[in-house]
Amino acid sequence: MFGVVGLGNPGWRYRKTRHNIGFMLVDQLASRRDLVLAEFKCRSLVSELEIAGQEVVLVKPQTYMNRSGEAVAEIVKTYSLDLNRLLIIYDEVALPLGRLRLKARGSSGGHNGMRSILSLLETEEIPRLRMGVGSGVPEGDLADFVLSRFRWRERDLVGEMLSAAESAVECYIAEGIETAMNRTNRNSAD
């Protein structure tokens, strides 16, 4: 089984914000298959489905971003997931809006949700898909920026990024991390 975890914050206040792009992708993966993440399990909203002939659990942790690791650790244990079949999806302000970066491992890069996950799972060997939300980062409080909604003129690019990210997830599940990284990172380059 694969685990596809989109990071974000629960609640209407955070809906459609830059920080919730992981939630947005997981919702899109579910809705394309006429599903909704409605089951509450392991402090997360989950839905089990099939993608590319593989069993997958889609996950939206409900522990808030900075404590994402608590829910993810429970998901890994409950579903007996191999960490190389776990994909964490989250926002990245260091990438321009629309850019994607798929990696097999690495540090948190300063992302608090990823930091929590790596700390509680005690490894950096976790695949992740970073989704660029960083265009036009203003001077000042980064938290205000990531908790802001996308501007109207950015919405088409966000939609394109979500479609490309959906393809990246499907490729990861069907063909493995190396093939998915080659396609995703190459296609997302300048």
Protein backbone atom coordinates (compact mmCIF):
# COMPACT_ATOMS: atom_id res chain seq x y z
CA MET A 1 0.00 0.00 0.00
CA PHE A 2 1.07 3.58 -0.70
CA GLY A 3 0.41 6.55 1.53
CA VAL A 4 -0.08 9.97 -0.08
CA VAL A 5 -0.14 12.69 2.56
CA GLY A 6 -1.01 16.29 1.78
CA LEU A 7 0.01 18.76 4.47
CA GLY A 8 -2.09 21.71 5.56
CA ASN A 9 -4.13 23.16 8.38
CA PRO A 10 -7.71 22.08 9.10
CA GLY A 11 -10.62 24.50 9.10
CA TRP A 12 -12.28 27.00 6.79
CA ARG A 13 -9.93 29.78 7.81
CA TYR A 14 -7.02 28.02 6.09
CA ARG A 15 -8.91 26.60 3.12
CA LYS A 16 -7.33 27.51 -0.24
CA THR A 17 -4.27 29.15 1.36
CA ARG A 18 -0.75 28.64 0.07
CA HIS A 19 0.10 26.53 3.12
CA ASN A 20 -2.74 24.15 2.23
CA ILE A 21 -1.64 23.28 -1.31
CA GLY A 22 -0.95 19.71 -0.08
CA PHE A 23 -4.58 19.40 1.07
CA MET A 24 -5.72 20.82 -2.26
CA LEU A 25 -3.81 18.17 -4.23
CA VAL A 26 -5.09 15.29 -2.09
CA ASP A 27 -8.65 16.61 -2.51
CA GLN A 28 -8.14 16.76 -6.27
CA LEU A 29 -6.81 13.19 -6.40
CA ALA A 30 -9.90 12.04 -4.48
CA SER A 31 -12.47 14.10 -6.40
CA ARG A 32 -11.21 12.86 -9.79
CA ARG A 33 -12.22 9.42 -8.52
CA ASP A 34 -15.56 10.62 -7.10
CA LEU A 35 -14.32 10.31 -3.52
CA VAL A 36 -14.24 12.63 -0.54
CA LEU A 37 -11.92 12.29 2.42
CA ALA A 38 -14.58 11.88 5.09
CA GLU A 39 -13.33 9.07 7.32
CA PHE A 40 -11.53 10.28 10.45
CA LYS A 41 -8.72 7.93 11.41
CA CYS A 42 -5.33 8.44 13.04
CA ARG A 43 -6.10 12.15 13.63
CA SER A 44 -6.50 12.51 9.86
CA LEU A 45 -9.11 12.56 7.15
CA VAL A 46 -8.47 9.50 4.98
CA SER A 47 -9.79 7.72 1.94
CA GLU A 48 -8.61 4.42 0.51
CA LEU A 49 -8.60 3.97 -3.25
CA GLU A 50 -6.70 2.52 -6.17
CA ILE A 51 -4.28 4.48 -8.33
CA ALA A 52 -2.38 2.81 -11.19
CA GLY A 53 -3.47 -0.59 -9.90
CA GLN A 54 -2.05 0.02 -6.42
CA GLU A 55 -3.83 0.41 -3.09
CA VAL A 56 -3.41 3.94 -1.79
CA VAL A 57 -4.51 5.77 1.33
CA LEU A 58 -4.95 9.51 0.82
CA VAL A 59 -4.32 11.47 4.02
CA LYS A 60 -4.98 14.99 5.28
CA PRO A 61 -3.57 15.27 8.84
CA GLN A 62 -5.86 17.28 11.14
CA THR A 63 -3.16 18.06 13.74
CA TYR A 64 -2.19 21.42 12.18
CA MET A 65 0.95 21.84 10.15
CA ASN A 66 3.53 22.06 12.93
CA ARG A 67 2.37 18.75 14.44
CA SER A 68 1.89 16.83 11.17
CA GLY A 69 4.34 14.15 12.29
CA GLU A 70 1.98 12.97 15.03
CA ALA A 71 -0.74 12.03 12.54
CA VAL A 72 1.69 10.71 9.93
CA ALA A 73 3.40 8.43 12.47
CA GLU A 74 -0.02 6.98 13.39
CA ILE A 75 -0.87 6.46 9.70
CA VAL A 76 2.44 4.69 9.05
CA LYS A 77 1.87 2.37 12.02
CA THR A 78 -1.83 1.69 11.39
CA TYR A 79 -1.37 0.93 7.69
CA SER A 80 2.06 -0.74 8.12
CA LEU A 81 3.45 1.55 5.43
CA ASP A 82 6.99 1.20 4.16
CA LEU A 83 8.51 4.68 4.27
CA ASN A 84 9.62 4.37 0.65
CA ARG A 85 5.89 4.09 -0.23
CA LEU A 86 4.98 7.24 1.66
CA LEU A 87 4.79 10.53 -0.24
CA ILE A 88 4.51 13.83 1.62
CA ILE A 89 3.15 16.80 -0.35
CA TYR A 90 3.62 20.36 0.89
CA ASP A 91 4.12 24.01 0.01
CA GLU A 92 7.55 25.46 -0.69
CA VAL A 93 8.16 29.21 -0.60
CA ALA A 94 11.68 28.80 -1.97
CA LEU A 95 10.21 27.62 -5.29
CA PRO A 96 8.45 30.01 -7.66
CA LEU A 97 4.71 29.54 -8.00
CA GLY A 98 3.99 26.60 -10.27
CA ARG A 99 7.32 24.78 -9.85
CA LEU A 100 7.43 21.22 -8.52
CA ARG A 101 10.31 19.33 -6.94
CA LEU A 102 10.09 15.62 -6.20
CA LYS A 103 12.80 14.15 -3.98
CA ALA A 104 13.42 10.73 -2.47
CA ARG A 105 14.98 12.06 0.73
CA GLY A 106 16.40 15.12 2.42
CA SER A 107 16.10 17.55 5.28
CA SER A 108 13.01 19.57 6.13
CA GLY A 109 14.44 22.64 4.41
CA GLY A 110 12.94 24.70 7.21
CA HIS A 111 9.35 23.52 6.62
CA ASN A 112 7.79 22.93 10.04
CA GLY A 113 5.38 20.23 8.90
CA MET A 114 8.16 18.23 7.28
CA ARG A 115 10.41 18.84 10.28
CA SER A 116 7.75 17.30 12.55
CA ILE A 117 7.41 14.25 10.28
CA LEU A 118 11.15 13.63 9.98
CA SER A 119 11.60 14.03 13.73
CA LEU A 120 8.88 11.57 14.71
CA LEU A 121 9.73 9.01 12.02
CA GLU A 122 13.44 9.45 12.85
CA THR A 123 14.63 9.46 9.25
CA GLU A 124 15.17 11.76 6.29
CA GLU A 125 14.52 8.87 3.87
CA ILE A 126 10.98 9.94 3.01
CA PRO A 127 9.86 10.88 -0.50
CA ARG A 128 8.33 14.33 -0.82
CA LEU A 129 6.73 16.54 -3.45
CA ARG A 130 7.32 20.24 -2.86
CA MET A 131 4.90 22.59 -4.59
CA GLY A 132 6.12 26.11 -5.31
CA VAL A 133 4.04 28.89 -3.77
CA GLY A 134 6.83 31.46 -3.49
CA SER A 135 6.21 34.00 -6.18
CA GLY A 136 6.03 37.53 -4.86
CA VAL A 137 6.98 36.78 -1.26
CA PRO A 138 6.73 40.18 0.43
CA GLU A 139 9.13 41.52 3.00
CA GLY A 140 7.98 40.80 6.53
CA ASP A 141 6.18 37.93 8.12
CA LEU A 142 6.48 34.72 6.09
CA ALA A 143 3.60 33.20 8.11
CA ASP A 144 1.24 35.87 6.79
CA PHE A 145 2.30 35.02 3.24
CA VAL A 146 1.84 31.24 3.48
CA LEU A 147 -1.49 31.69 5.25
CA SER A 148 -2.74 34.00 2.48
CA ARG A 149 -4.95 32.87 -0.36
CA PHE A 150 -3.70 32.79 -3.93
CA ARG A 151 -4.31 35.98 -5.87
CA TRP A 152 -6.90 35.91 -8.64
CA ARG A 153 -4.25 36.23 -11.36
CA GLU A 154 -2.36 33.22 -9.90
CA ARG A 155 -5.26 30.80 -10.04
CA ASP A 156 -4.64 29.49 -13.57
CA LEU A 157 -1.02 28.73 -12.69
CA VAL A 158 -2.12 27.03 -9.46
CA GLY A 159 -4.54 24.86 -11.47
CA GLU A 160 -1.76 23.90 -13.89
CA MET A 161 0.55 23.08 -10.99
CA LEU A 162 -2.10 20.89 -9.34
CA SER A 163 -2.60 18.98 -12.61
CA ALA A 164 1.15 18.47 -13.03
CA ALA A 165 1.44 17.39 -9.38
CA GLU A 166 -1.39 14.90 -9.84
CA SER A 167 0.53 13.38 -12.78
CA ALA A 168 3.68 13.27 -10.63
CA VAL A 169 1.88 11.35 -7.88
CA GLU A 170 0.41 8.89 -10.37
CA CYS A 171 3.84 8.38 -11.98
CA TYR A 172 5.44 7.87 -8.55
CA ILE A 173 2.92 5.14 -7.72
CA ALA A 174 3.00 3.46 -11.14
CA GLU A 175 6.67 3.73 -12.09
CA GLY A 176 8.66 4.57 -8.95
CA ILE A 177 10.45 7.56 -7.51
CA GLU A 178 13.35 7.74 -9.99
CA THR A 179 11.15 7.86 -13.10
CA ALA A 180 8.75 10.29 -11.40
CA MET A 181 11.64 12.56 -10.34
CA ASN A 182 13.08 12.60 -13.85
CA ARG A 183 9.75 13.54 -15.42
CA THR A 184 8.56 15.96 -12.74
CA ASN A 185 11.76 17.84 -12.08
CA ARG A 186 12.66 18.11 -15.76
CA ASN A 187 9.18 19.30 -16.77
CA SER A 188 9.11 21.83 -13.95
CA ALA A 189 12.43 23.46 -14.84
CA ASP A 190 12.82 26.91 -16.38
